Every structure is written in C-alpha cells, then in structure tokens.
Amino acid sequence: MSTDPYSGYDDHRSNSALKQVLIVLAIAVVALMLYRNLARPSAAISKGVKLEMLELQPLVNATEPIRFQNLLGKVTVINFWGTWCPPCIQEFPHIIALREKYQDQGDFNLLSVSCPGLPITTDDQLKLETIEFLKLRGVEMPVYANPNSKPFIDGYPTTILTDRAGLVQNVWQGYEPGMEEQIQEAVERQLARN
C-alpha cells in the first residue's frame, strides 16, 4: 500500500479531464448538426404548402390551441426555436422586435413555438425552461408547443411565413445576422397585399 497521499490524485485529474473533453466533443457534434443546415431552405416544409396539419398546444401565456383555421385571414410568422439552441437565442431579440412592430395590426400574427432539446424533455420541463428563458429576457408573450414538429422542420430555428390563405410563402432555417431584415421585408410584402 502506498504511503503517498497524492498517489490517486493524478488518476482522478486524468479522468476529470477526459470527461470534460468528451462533454466538449458532444456539444460540438450537436452544434455542428444544428448549424449544418444554417440558412438553407427547409426540406420539411416548402413554399405553397398549406399548413393544414398544424396543431400547436398552449405552453406559456396561452390558453387555446392553434390550428390551421387560426391562420386564415392573417399574415402569420411561426417561429420554431429552443431555449438550448445558440442560433435561436441569437435570433430571439429580432423575433420579439418583429412581434412588437406588427402586433397592433389586426391581420398579423406571430406564433412562438418552443421545442425540446436532446435528450427529449417532458412537457413540464419544456414549460419550465421556456418560462425561465422568457423571464431572463423580460418577455411576456404566448408560446406554444408542437408535439408533431417533424412535419414542419428539420433544424432550429425555423421561421415560416404564411399568407392570409394559410399558404407558406417563405421558410428560413437557421439564423445569420441580417436574416431578420429578410423576414421583415417578406412580412411587409404580405401585409401590403389585400
């Protein structure tokens, strides 16, 4: 038996460093998967599609579900995002600014959809994470959950613009600085149409 009190110390440090490296690698792989589709059109949903299968459930500050019928007669932006998603966090202030700019127009609607990360969280966890996210940013707005997100998106964030007939007019996947201007211009074009 060793009398050196530090004999196991180096082994413990090596294991701890290995764990940290593995965690960093796991995060890098997830980030790479999220960024691989940055700013490319989504393959999951495309222009001209009616979102008839849309069914969003109230998550925070909302009481009624949203269905396709709720889109009719309004220019609608649907933003799918996650509290865990770096590009979503970067885009979030621009989505809020868009909401604030047009929220008083009766024919505009912004639907914010909080999506779970990996590992998949429960509905209660998603709600708590979303409440904390909004609270940290001083934002109070309705947020929905989408139990069937696969038909709509294949990366985060995904922002969909529909016209007053509920037809998809634009899809943005990922976030790059300046993309918020593209979204705003597209919203203004749709609002200008009667």
N, C-alpha and C. Protein backbone atom coordinates (compact mmCIF):
# COMPACT_ATOMS: atom_id res chain seq x y z
N MET A 1 0.84 -1.18 0.00
CA MET A 1 0.00 0.00 0.00
C MET A 1 0.88 1.23 0.00
N SER A 2 0.56 2.20 -0.82
CA SER A 2 1.37 3.41 -0.96
C SER A 2 1.13 4.34 0.23
N THR A 3 2.18 4.96 0.65
CA THR A 3 2.07 5.93 1.75
C THR A 3 1.95 7.35 1.21
N ASP A 4 2.03 7.50 -0.10
CA ASP A 4 1.94 8.82 -0.72
C ASP A 4 0.48 9.26 -0.75
N PRO A 5 0.11 10.35 -0.05
CA PRO A 5 -1.29 10.78 0.00
C PRO A 5 -1.80 11.29 -1.35
N TYR A 6 -0.93 11.56 -2.28
CA TYR A 6 -1.33 12.12 -3.58
C TYR A 6 -1.29 11.09 -4.71
N SER A 7 -1.12 9.82 -4.39
CA SER A 7 -0.92 8.79 -5.42
C SER A 7 -2.12 8.65 -6.36
N GLY A 8 -3.36 8.79 -5.91
CA GLY A 8 -4.53 8.67 -6.78
C GLY A 8 -4.97 9.98 -7.38
N TYR A 9 -4.31 11.06 -7.01
CA TYR A 9 -4.71 12.40 -7.44
C TYR A 9 -4.58 12.57 -8.96
N ASP A 10 -3.46 12.11 -9.53
CA ASP A 10 -3.25 12.26 -10.98
C ASP A 10 -4.27 11.45 -11.77
N ASP A 11 -4.62 10.24 -11.29
CA ASP A 11 -5.63 9.43 -11.98
C ASP A 11 -6.98 10.15 -11.97
N HIS A 12 -7.34 10.75 -10.85
CA HIS A 12 -8.60 11.48 -10.73
C HIS A 12 -8.62 12.67 -11.68
N ARG A 13 -7.50 13.41 -11.75
CA ARG A 13 -7.41 14.56 -12.66
C ARG A 13 -7.52 14.11 -14.11
N SER A 14 -6.91 12.98 -14.46
CA SER A 14 -6.96 12.47 -15.83
C SER A 14 -8.39 12.10 -16.21
N ASN A 15 -9.10 11.42 -15.30
CA ASN A 15 -10.50 11.05 -15.57
C ASN A 15 -11.37 12.28 -15.71
N SER A 16 -11.15 13.27 -14.86
CA SER A 16 -11.92 14.51 -14.91
C SER A 16 -11.67 15.24 -16.22
N ALA A 17 -10.42 15.32 -16.65
CA ALA A 17 -10.09 15.99 -17.91
C ALA A 17 -10.69 15.24 -19.09
N LEU A 18 -10.67 13.92 -19.06
CA LEU A 18 -11.26 13.12 -20.13
C LEU A 18 -12.76 13.36 -20.21
N LYS A 19 -13.43 13.42 -19.07
CA LYS A 19 -14.86 13.70 -19.06
C LYS A 19 -15.15 15.07 -19.67
N GLN A 20 -14.34 16.07 -19.32
CA GLN A 20 -14.55 17.41 -19.86
C GLN A 20 -14.36 17.43 -21.37
N VAL A 21 -13.34 16.72 -21.86
CA VAL A 21 -13.10 16.66 -23.30
C VAL A 21 -14.28 15.99 -24.00
N LEU A 22 -14.80 14.91 -23.43
CA LEU A 22 -15.93 14.21 -24.03
C LEU A 22 -17.18 15.09 -24.05
N ILE A 23 -17.40 15.85 -23.00
CA ILE A 23 -18.55 16.76 -22.96
C ILE A 23 -18.41 17.83 -24.03
N VAL A 24 -17.23 18.41 -24.17
CA VAL A 24 -16.99 19.44 -25.19
C VAL A 24 -17.20 18.85 -26.59
N LEU A 25 -16.71 17.63 -26.81
CA LEU A 25 -16.91 16.99 -28.12
C LEU A 25 -18.39 16.73 -28.40
N ALA A 26 -19.13 16.28 -27.39
CA ALA A 26 -20.56 16.04 -27.57
C ALA A 26 -21.29 17.33 -27.93
N ILE A 27 -20.95 18.40 -27.24
CA ILE A 27 -21.56 19.70 -27.53
C ILE A 27 -21.21 20.15 -28.94
N ALA A 28 -19.96 19.94 -29.34
CA ALA A 28 -19.52 20.33 -30.69
C ALA A 28 -20.28 19.55 -31.76
N VAL A 29 -20.51 18.26 -31.53
CA VAL A 29 -21.24 17.45 -32.50
C VAL A 29 -22.68 17.94 -32.63
N VAL A 30 -23.33 18.22 -31.50
CA VAL A 30 -24.70 18.73 -31.53
C VAL A 30 -24.75 20.08 -32.25
N ALA A 31 -23.81 20.96 -31.92
CA ALA A 31 -23.77 22.28 -32.57
C ALA A 31 -23.56 22.14 -34.07
N LEU A 32 -22.69 21.23 -34.48
CA LEU A 32 -22.45 21.01 -35.90
C LEU A 32 -23.71 20.52 -36.59
N MET A 33 -24.45 19.63 -35.94
CA MET A 33 -25.69 19.14 -36.52
C MET A 33 -26.70 20.26 -36.67
N LEU A 34 -26.75 21.16 -35.69
CA LEU A 34 -27.69 22.29 -35.78
C LEU A 34 -27.29 23.28 -36.86
N TYR A 35 -26.01 23.52 -37.01
CA TYR A 35 -25.53 24.52 -37.96
C TYR A 35 -25.41 23.99 -39.39
N ARG A 36 -25.46 22.68 -39.59
CA ARG A 36 -25.23 22.13 -40.93
C ARG A 36 -26.24 22.63 -41.95
N ASN A 37 -27.42 22.97 -41.49
CA ASN A 37 -28.46 23.46 -42.39
C ASN A 37 -28.68 24.95 -42.28
N LEU A 38 -27.74 25.66 -41.68
CA LEU A 38 -27.89 27.09 -41.43
C LEU A 38 -28.25 27.85 -42.70
N ALA A 39 -29.36 28.57 -42.62
CA ALA A 39 -29.81 29.48 -43.68
C ALA A 39 -30.16 28.78 -44.99
N ARG A 40 -30.34 27.47 -44.96
CA ARG A 40 -30.79 26.78 -46.16
C ARG A 40 -32.30 26.59 -46.08
N PRO A 41 -32.96 26.55 -47.21
CA PRO A 41 -34.39 26.28 -47.18
C PRO A 41 -34.66 24.93 -46.52
N SER A 42 -35.70 24.87 -45.74
CA SER A 42 -36.04 23.64 -45.05
C SER A 42 -36.61 22.63 -46.04
N ALA A 43 -36.18 21.39 -45.89
CA ALA A 43 -36.71 20.33 -46.72
C ALA A 43 -38.05 19.83 -46.18
N ALA A 44 -38.35 20.16 -44.93
CA ALA A 44 -39.56 19.64 -44.29
C ALA A 44 -40.81 20.36 -44.77
N ILE A 45 -40.72 21.62 -45.07
CA ILE A 45 -41.88 22.41 -45.49
C ILE A 45 -41.40 23.36 -46.58
N SER A 46 -42.25 23.63 -47.55
CA SER A 46 -41.80 24.49 -48.64
C SER A 46 -42.91 25.45 -49.07
N LYS A 47 -42.52 26.41 -49.88
CA LYS A 47 -43.44 27.46 -50.36
C LYS A 47 -44.63 26.83 -51.08
N GLY A 48 -45.80 27.42 -50.80
CA GLY A 48 -47.02 26.97 -51.47
C GLY A 48 -47.79 25.90 -50.72
N VAL A 49 -47.21 25.36 -49.66
CA VAL A 49 -47.86 24.31 -48.88
C VAL A 49 -48.85 24.94 -47.91
N LYS A 50 -50.01 24.32 -47.76
CA LYS A 50 -50.96 24.73 -46.72
C LYS A 50 -50.61 23.97 -45.45
N LEU A 51 -50.58 24.67 -44.34
CA LEU A 51 -50.23 24.03 -43.07
C LEU A 51 -51.47 23.43 -42.40
N GLU A 52 -52.19 22.62 -43.16
CA GLU A 52 -53.45 22.06 -42.66
C GLU A 52 -53.24 21.13 -41.47
N MET A 53 -52.07 20.55 -41.33
CA MET A 53 -51.80 19.65 -40.22
C MET A 53 -51.30 20.38 -38.97
N LEU A 54 -51.26 21.69 -39.02
CA LEU A 54 -50.78 22.49 -37.89
C LEU A 54 -51.68 22.31 -36.67
N GLU A 55 -51.08 21.98 -35.56
CA GLU A 55 -51.80 21.90 -34.29
C GLU A 55 -50.80 22.20 -33.17
N LEU A 56 -50.85 23.44 -32.69
CA LEU A 56 -49.96 23.87 -31.62
C LEU A 56 -50.72 23.87 -30.30
N GLN A 57 -50.05 23.42 -29.27
CA GLN A 57 -50.66 23.37 -27.94
C GLN A 57 -50.17 24.53 -27.09
N PRO A 58 -51.05 25.13 -26.27
CA PRO A 58 -50.60 26.22 -25.40
C PRO A 58 -49.55 25.73 -24.42
N LEU A 59 -48.48 26.53 -24.26
CA LEU A 59 -47.40 26.16 -23.34
C LEU A 59 -47.26 27.20 -22.24
N VAL A 60 -47.09 28.48 -22.62
CA VAL A 60 -46.90 29.57 -21.67
C VAL A 60 -47.71 30.77 -22.16
N ASN A 61 -48.45 31.40 -21.27
CA ASN A 61 -49.23 32.61 -21.57
C ASN A 61 -50.22 32.42 -22.72
N ALA A 62 -50.68 31.21 -22.91
CA ALA A 62 -51.67 30.90 -23.94
C ALA A 62 -52.65 29.89 -23.36
N THR A 63 -53.90 29.95 -23.82
CA THR A 63 -54.89 29.03 -23.28
C THR A 63 -55.54 28.14 -24.32
N GLU A 64 -55.55 28.58 -25.57
CA GLU A 64 -56.23 27.83 -26.63
C GLU A 64 -55.23 27.26 -27.63
N PRO A 65 -55.48 26.05 -28.13
CA PRO A 65 -54.61 25.52 -29.18
C PRO A 65 -54.74 26.34 -30.47
N ILE A 66 -53.74 26.24 -31.31
CA ILE A 66 -53.74 26.91 -32.62
C ILE A 66 -53.82 25.83 -33.69
N ARG A 67 -54.74 26.02 -34.62
CA ARG A 67 -54.89 25.11 -35.75
C ARG A 67 -54.83 25.92 -37.04
N PHE A 68 -54.83 25.22 -38.15
CA PHE A 68 -54.75 25.86 -39.46
C PHE A 68 -55.79 26.96 -39.62
N GLN A 69 -57.00 26.74 -39.14
CA GLN A 69 -58.08 27.71 -39.28
C GLN A 69 -57.72 29.05 -38.64
N ASN A 70 -56.89 29.01 -37.58
CA ASN A 70 -56.48 30.25 -36.91
C ASN A 70 -55.55 31.10 -37.77
N LEU A 71 -54.95 30.52 -38.80
CA LEU A 71 -54.05 31.26 -39.68
C LEU A 71 -54.81 32.05 -40.74
N LEU A 72 -56.00 31.60 -41.06
CA LEU A 72 -56.74 32.19 -42.16
C LEU A 72 -57.10 33.65 -41.88
N GLY A 73 -56.85 34.50 -42.88
CA GLY A 73 -57.14 35.93 -42.76
C GLY A 73 -56.03 36.74 -42.13
N LYS A 74 -54.93 36.08 -41.75
CA LYS A 74 -53.81 36.79 -41.13
C LYS A 74 -52.50 36.40 -41.78
N VAL A 75 -51.60 37.37 -41.86
CA VAL A 75 -50.22 37.09 -42.23
C VAL A 75 -49.57 36.58 -40.95
N THR A 76 -49.02 35.37 -41.01
CA THR A 76 -48.54 34.72 -39.79
C THR A 76 -47.08 34.31 -39.91
N VAL A 77 -46.32 34.63 -38.87
CA VAL A 77 -44.95 34.15 -38.73
C VAL A 77 -44.97 33.09 -37.64
N ILE A 78 -44.47 31.91 -37.96
CA ILE A 78 -44.37 30.83 -36.98
C ILE A 78 -42.88 30.57 -36.77
N ASN A 79 -42.43 30.76 -35.54
CA ASN A 79 -41.00 30.61 -35.23
C ASN A 79 -40.81 29.41 -34.31
N PHE A 80 -40.15 28.36 -34.83
CA PHE A 80 -39.81 27.17 -34.05
C PHE A 80 -38.40 27.36 -33.50
N TRP A 81 -38.26 27.30 -32.19
CA TRP A 81 -36.98 27.59 -31.55
C TRP A 81 -36.82 26.75 -30.29
N GLY A 82 -35.63 26.79 -29.71
CA GLY A 82 -35.38 26.08 -28.47
C GLY A 82 -34.53 26.91 -27.53
N THR A 83 -34.79 26.77 -26.25
CA THR A 83 -34.02 27.51 -25.23
C THR A 83 -32.57 27.06 -25.21
N TRP A 84 -32.28 25.90 -25.73
CA TRP A 84 -30.97 25.25 -25.73
C TRP A 84 -30.18 25.54 -27.01
N CYS A 85 -30.76 26.25 -27.95
CA CYS A 85 -30.23 26.40 -29.31
C CYS A 85 -29.53 27.75 -29.48
N PRO A 86 -28.19 27.78 -29.63
CA PRO A 86 -27.47 29.06 -29.76
C PRO A 86 -27.98 29.97 -30.88
N PRO A 87 -28.24 29.47 -32.11
CA PRO A 87 -28.76 30.39 -33.13
C PRO A 87 -30.16 30.90 -32.80
N CYS A 88 -30.96 30.09 -32.11
CA CYS A 88 -32.30 30.52 -31.69
C CYS A 88 -32.20 31.68 -30.70
N ILE A 89 -31.26 31.55 -29.77
CA ILE A 89 -31.05 32.58 -28.75
C ILE A 89 -30.59 33.87 -29.43
N GLN A 90 -29.73 33.75 -30.44
CA GLN A 90 -29.25 34.92 -31.16
C GLN A 90 -30.38 35.58 -31.95
N GLU A 91 -31.27 34.78 -32.51
CA GLU A 91 -32.37 35.31 -33.31
C GLU A 91 -33.51 35.88 -32.46
N PHE A 92 -33.67 35.40 -31.24
CA PHE A 92 -34.84 35.70 -30.41
C PHE A 92 -35.14 37.20 -30.29
N PRO A 93 -34.16 38.07 -29.99
CA PRO A 93 -34.49 39.50 -29.88
C PRO A 93 -35.10 40.08 -31.16
N HIS A 94 -34.70 39.55 -32.32
CA HIS A 94 -35.22 40.04 -33.59
C HIS A 94 -36.67 39.57 -33.80
N ILE A 95 -36.97 38.37 -33.34
CA ILE A 95 -38.35 37.87 -33.41
C ILE A 95 -39.24 38.71 -32.51
N ILE A 96 -38.75 39.05 -31.33
CA ILE A 96 -39.52 39.90 -30.41
C ILE A 96 -39.74 41.28 -31.03
N ALA A 97 -38.70 41.84 -31.65
CA ALA A 97 -38.83 43.16 -32.30
C ALA A 97 -39.87 43.10 -33.43
N LEU A 98 -39.89 42.02 -34.18
CA LEU A 98 -40.87 41.84 -35.26
C LEU A 98 -42.28 41.79 -34.67
N ARG A 99 -42.43 41.04 -33.60
CA ARG A 99 -43.73 40.96 -32.93
C ARG A 99 -44.20 42.32 -32.45
N GLU A 100 -43.31 43.06 -31.81
CA GLU A 100 -43.67 44.37 -31.28
C GLU A 100 -44.02 45.36 -32.39
N LYS A 101 -43.32 45.26 -33.52
CA LYS A 101 -43.57 46.19 -34.62
C LYS A 101 -44.95 45.99 -35.25
N TYR A 102 -45.39 44.74 -35.36
CA TYR A 102 -46.63 44.47 -36.10
C TYR A 102 -47.79 43.97 -35.25
N GLN A 103 -47.61 43.78 -33.95
CA GLN A 103 -48.65 43.15 -33.14
C GLN A 103 -49.97 43.92 -33.09
N ASP A 104 -49.93 45.22 -33.32
CA ASP A 104 -51.16 46.01 -33.27
C ASP A 104 -51.95 45.96 -34.58
N GLN A 105 -51.38 45.35 -35.60
CA GLN A 105 -52.10 45.20 -36.87
C GLN A 105 -53.00 43.97 -36.73
N GLY A 106 -54.25 44.14 -37.00
CA GLY A 106 -55.21 43.05 -36.81
C GLY A 106 -55.00 41.85 -37.69
N ASP A 107 -54.29 42.03 -38.81
CA ASP A 107 -54.12 40.90 -39.72
C ASP A 107 -52.71 40.32 -39.67
N PHE A 108 -52.01 40.52 -38.54
CA PHE A 108 -50.68 39.93 -38.34
C PHE A 108 -50.69 39.08 -37.08
N ASN A 109 -50.00 37.96 -37.16
CA ASN A 109 -49.90 37.08 -36.01
C ASN A 109 -48.49 36.48 -35.96
N LEU A 110 -47.91 36.44 -34.78
CA LEU A 110 -46.63 35.77 -34.59
C LEU A 110 -46.85 34.64 -33.59
N LEU A 111 -46.52 33.44 -34.01
CA LEU A 111 -46.65 32.26 -33.15
C LEU A 111 -45.26 31.78 -32.79
N SER A 112 -44.97 31.80 -31.51
CA SER A 112 -43.68 31.36 -30.99
C SER A 112 -43.85 29.92 -30.48
N VAL A 113 -43.00 29.02 -31.00
CA VAL A 113 -43.12 27.60 -30.66
C VAL A 113 -41.82 27.12 -30.03
N SER A 114 -41.85 26.84 -28.74
CA SER A 114 -40.69 26.35 -28.02
C SER A 114 -40.59 24.84 -28.22
N CYS A 115 -39.41 24.38 -28.62
CA CYS A 115 -39.20 22.97 -28.95
C CYS A 115 -38.19 22.35 -27.99
N PRO A 116 -38.38 21.08 -27.64
CA PRO A 116 -37.48 20.43 -26.70
C PRO A 116 -36.13 20.12 -27.33
N GLY A 117 -35.10 20.09 -26.50
CA GLY A 117 -33.77 19.70 -26.96
C GLY A 117 -33.55 18.23 -26.74
N LEU A 118 -32.30 17.83 -26.84
CA LEU A 118 -31.94 16.44 -26.60
C LEU A 118 -31.19 16.35 -25.29
N PRO A 119 -31.41 15.40 -24.44
CA PRO A 119 -32.45 14.40 -24.61
C PRO A 119 -33.83 15.05 -24.53
N ILE A 120 -34.81 14.42 -25.15
CA ILE A 120 -36.16 14.97 -25.20
C ILE A 120 -36.64 15.24 -23.78
N THR A 121 -37.14 16.45 -23.58
CA THR A 121 -37.64 16.84 -22.27
C THR A 121 -39.14 16.56 -22.19
N THR A 122 -39.63 16.47 -20.99
CA THR A 122 -41.08 16.31 -20.81
C THR A 122 -41.77 17.64 -21.07
N ASP A 123 -43.08 17.61 -21.21
CA ASP A 123 -43.85 18.84 -21.41
C ASP A 123 -43.65 19.80 -20.24
N ASP A 124 -43.61 19.25 -19.02
CA ASP A 124 -43.40 20.09 -17.84
C ASP A 124 -42.02 20.73 -17.85
N GLN A 125 -40.99 19.96 -18.24
CA GLN A 125 -39.64 20.52 -18.33
C GLN A 125 -39.57 21.61 -19.39
N LEU A 126 -40.19 21.35 -20.54
CA LEU A 126 -40.20 22.33 -21.63
C LEU A 126 -40.86 23.62 -21.16
N LYS A 127 -41.96 23.49 -20.43
CA LYS A 127 -42.67 24.67 -19.93
C LYS A 127 -41.80 25.45 -18.95
N LEU A 128 -41.16 24.76 -18.01
CA LEU A 128 -40.30 25.43 -17.02
C LEU A 128 -39.11 26.11 -17.69
N GLU A 129 -38.47 25.43 -18.65
CA GLU A 129 -37.33 26.01 -19.36
C GLU A 129 -37.76 27.25 -20.15
N THR A 130 -38.94 27.19 -20.77
CA THR A 130 -39.44 28.31 -21.56
C THR A 130 -39.79 29.49 -20.66
N ILE A 131 -40.45 29.23 -19.53
CA ILE A 131 -40.78 30.30 -18.58
C ILE A 131 -39.51 30.99 -18.12
N GLU A 132 -38.49 30.22 -17.76
CA GLU A 132 -37.22 30.79 -17.28
C GLU A 132 -36.54 31.61 -18.38
N PHE A 133 -36.55 31.09 -19.60
CA PHE A 133 -35.95 31.78 -20.75
C PHE A 133 -36.62 33.14 -20.96
N LEU A 134 -37.94 33.16 -20.96
CA LEU A 134 -38.68 34.41 -21.16
C LEU A 134 -38.44 35.38 -20.00
N LYS A 135 -38.45 34.86 -18.79
CA LYS A 135 -38.25 35.69 -17.60
C LYS A 135 -36.88 36.37 -17.62
N LEU A 136 -35.85 35.63 -18.00
CA LEU A 136 -34.49 36.20 -18.06
C LEU A 136 -34.40 37.34 -19.07
N ARG A 137 -35.27 37.32 -20.08
CA ARG A 137 -35.23 38.33 -21.13
C ARG A 137 -36.31 39.39 -20.97
N GLY A 138 -37.09 39.28 -19.91
CA GLY A 138 -38.15 40.25 -19.65
C GLY A 138 -39.24 40.24 -20.71
N VAL A 139 -39.53 39.07 -21.25
CA VAL A 139 -40.51 38.94 -22.33
C VAL A 139 -41.73 38.19 -21.82
N GLU A 140 -42.90 38.75 -22.13
CA GLU A 140 -44.15 38.07 -21.82
C GLU A 140 -44.95 37.98 -23.10
N MET A 141 -45.13 36.76 -23.58
CA MET A 141 -45.88 36.55 -24.81
C MET A 141 -46.38 35.11 -24.83
N PRO A 142 -47.39 34.85 -25.65
CA PRO A 142 -47.86 33.46 -25.76
C PRO A 142 -46.81 32.61 -26.46
N VAL A 143 -46.59 31.43 -25.91
CA VAL A 143 -45.67 30.46 -26.51
C VAL A 143 -46.39 29.12 -26.56
N TYR A 144 -46.18 28.42 -27.66
CA TYR A 144 -46.85 27.16 -27.90
C TYR A 144 -45.84 26.02 -27.96
N ALA A 145 -46.36 24.81 -27.85
CA ALA A 145 -45.56 23.60 -28.06
C ALA A 145 -46.13 22.90 -29.28
N ASN A 146 -45.28 22.18 -29.98
CA ASN A 146 -45.71 21.45 -31.16
C ASN A 146 -45.35 19.98 -30.99
N PRO A 147 -46.30 19.19 -30.55
CA PRO A 147 -45.99 17.78 -30.34
C PRO A 147 -45.66 17.04 -31.63
N ASN A 148 -46.01 17.63 -32.77
CA ASN A 148 -45.75 16.99 -34.08
C ASN A 148 -44.83 17.85 -34.93
N SER A 149 -43.66 18.24 -34.40
CA SER A 149 -42.79 19.18 -35.11
C SER A 149 -42.17 18.62 -36.38
N LYS A 150 -42.04 17.32 -36.50
CA LYS A 150 -41.37 16.75 -37.66
C LYS A 150 -41.95 17.16 -38.99
N PRO A 151 -43.28 17.26 -39.16
CA PRO A 151 -43.77 17.64 -40.48
C PRO A 151 -43.34 19.04 -40.91
N PHE A 152 -42.90 19.87 -39.97
CA PHE A 152 -42.61 21.26 -40.30
C PHE A 152 -41.13 21.57 -40.42
N ILE A 153 -40.31 20.97 -39.59
CA ILE A 153 -38.93 21.44 -39.50
C ILE A 153 -37.93 20.31 -39.46
N ASP A 154 -36.71 20.64 -39.88
CA ASP A 154 -35.61 19.69 -39.73
C ASP A 154 -34.36 20.38 -39.19
N GLY A 155 -34.52 21.52 -38.56
CA GLY A 155 -33.41 22.24 -37.93
C GLY A 155 -33.95 23.45 -37.19
N TYR A 156 -33.12 24.01 -36.33
CA TYR A 156 -33.54 25.14 -35.49
C TYR A 156 -32.61 26.32 -35.66
N PRO A 157 -33.13 27.52 -35.56
CA PRO A 157 -34.54 27.86 -35.60
C PRO A 157 -35.09 27.69 -37.01
N THR A 158 -36.38 27.51 -37.10
CA THR A 158 -37.07 27.53 -38.38
C THR A 158 -38.20 28.56 -38.26
N THR A 159 -38.25 29.47 -39.22
CA THR A 159 -39.28 30.51 -39.24
C THR A 159 -40.06 30.36 -40.53
N ILE A 160 -41.38 30.29 -40.40
CA ILE A 160 -42.27 30.09 -41.55
C ILE A 160 -43.20 31.30 -41.64
N LEU A 161 -43.35 31.82 -42.85
CA LEU A 161 -44.29 32.92 -43.10
C LEU A 161 -45.41 32.40 -43.97
N THR A 162 -46.66 32.59 -43.48
CA THR A 162 -47.82 32.20 -44.28
C THR A 162 -48.60 33.45 -44.66
N ASP A 163 -49.29 33.36 -45.80
CA ASP A 163 -50.15 34.46 -46.23
C ASP A 163 -51.53 34.31 -45.59
N ARG A 164 -52.45 35.18 -45.96
CA ARG A 164 -53.79 35.18 -45.35
C ARG A 164 -54.60 33.92 -45.68
N ALA A 165 -54.19 33.18 -46.70
CA ALA A 165 -54.87 31.93 -47.06
C ALA A 165 -54.23 30.73 -46.36
N GLY A 166 -53.21 30.98 -45.54
CA GLY A 166 -52.54 29.89 -44.83
C GLY A 166 -51.51 29.17 -45.67
N LEU A 167 -51.13 29.75 -46.81
CA LEU A 167 -50.11 29.14 -47.67
C LEU A 167 -48.72 29.62 -47.25
N VAL A 168 -47.79 28.71 -47.18
CA VAL A 168 -46.41 29.06 -46.85
C VAL A 168 -45.85 29.92 -47.98
N GLN A 169 -45.31 31.07 -47.61
CA GLN A 169 -44.70 31.98 -48.58
C GLN A 169 -43.18 31.99 -48.47
N ASN A 170 -42.65 31.78 -47.28
CA ASN A 170 -41.21 31.76 -47.07
C ASN A 170 -40.88 30.82 -45.91
N VAL A 171 -39.68 30.23 -45.98
CA VAL A 171 -39.16 29.41 -44.89
C VAL A 171 -37.69 29.78 -44.71
N TRP A 172 -37.33 30.09 -43.47
CA TRP A 172 -35.94 30.36 -43.13
C TRP A 172 -35.51 29.35 -42.09
N GLN A 173 -34.37 28.72 -42.35
CA GLN A 173 -33.86 27.75 -41.39
C GLN A 173 -32.48 28.21 -40.92
N GLY A 174 -32.27 28.14 -39.63
CA GLY A 174 -31.03 28.64 -39.06
C GLY A 174 -31.14 30.14 -38.87
N TYR A 175 -30.04 30.73 -38.46
CA TYR A 175 -30.02 32.18 -38.29
C TYR A 175 -28.64 32.71 -38.64
N GLU A 176 -28.63 33.76 -39.43
CA GLU A 176 -27.44 34.54 -39.72
C GLU A 176 -27.81 36.00 -39.52
N PRO A 177 -26.88 36.84 -39.05
CA PRO A 177 -27.18 38.27 -38.94
C PRO A 177 -27.66 38.81 -40.28
N GLY A 178 -28.71 39.60 -40.23
CA GLY A 178 -29.31 40.16 -41.45
C GLY A 178 -30.55 39.40 -41.90
N MET A 179 -30.70 38.18 -41.42
CA MET A 179 -31.86 37.39 -41.81
C MET A 179 -33.16 38.03 -41.33
N GLU A 180 -33.07 38.73 -40.19
CA GLU A 180 -34.27 39.40 -39.65
C GLU A 180 -34.80 40.44 -40.63
N GLU A 181 -33.91 41.06 -41.41
CA GLU A 181 -34.35 42.04 -42.41
C GLU A 181 -35.10 41.35 -43.54
N GLN A 182 -34.64 40.17 -43.94
CA GLN A 182 -35.35 39.40 -44.97
C GLN A 182 -36.75 39.04 -44.49
N ILE A 183 -36.85 38.62 -43.24
CA ILE A 183 -38.15 38.23 -42.68
C ILE A 183 -39.08 39.45 -42.64
N GLN A 184 -38.57 40.57 -42.16
CA GLN A 184 -39.39 41.78 -42.07
C GLN A 184 -39.87 42.23 -43.45
N GLU A 185 -38.99 42.21 -44.44
CA GLU A 185 -39.38 42.60 -45.80
C GLU A 185 -40.46 41.68 -46.34
N ALA A 186 -40.33 40.39 -46.09
CA ALA A 186 -41.33 39.43 -46.57
C ALA A 186 -42.67 39.66 -45.87
N VAL A 187 -42.64 39.96 -44.57
CA VAL A 187 -43.87 40.25 -43.83
C VAL A 187 -44.53 41.49 -44.41
N GLU A 188 -43.75 42.53 -44.66
CA GLU A 188 -44.31 43.77 -45.21
C GLU A 188 -44.91 43.55 -46.58
N ARG A 189 -44.28 42.72 -47.41
CA ARG A 189 -44.85 42.41 -48.73
C ARG A 189 -46.21 41.73 -48.58
N GLN A 190 -46.31 40.79 -47.66
CA GLN A 190 -47.57 40.09 -47.45
C GLN A 190 -48.63 41.01 -46.87
N LEU A 191 -48.26 41.86 -45.92
CA LEU A 191 -49.22 42.79 -45.33
C LEU A 191 -49.73 43.78 -46.36
N ALA A 192 -48.89 44.14 -47.35
CA ALA A 192 -49.29 45.11 -48.37
C ALA A 192 -50.30 44.54 -49.37
N ARG A 193 -50.37 43.20 -49.44
CA ARG A 193 -51.33 42.56 -50.34
C ARG A 193 -52.70 42.52 -49.70
N ASN A 194 -53.70 42.77 -50.51
CA ASN A 194 -55.08 42.72 -49.96
C ASN A 194 -55.80 41.49 -50.37
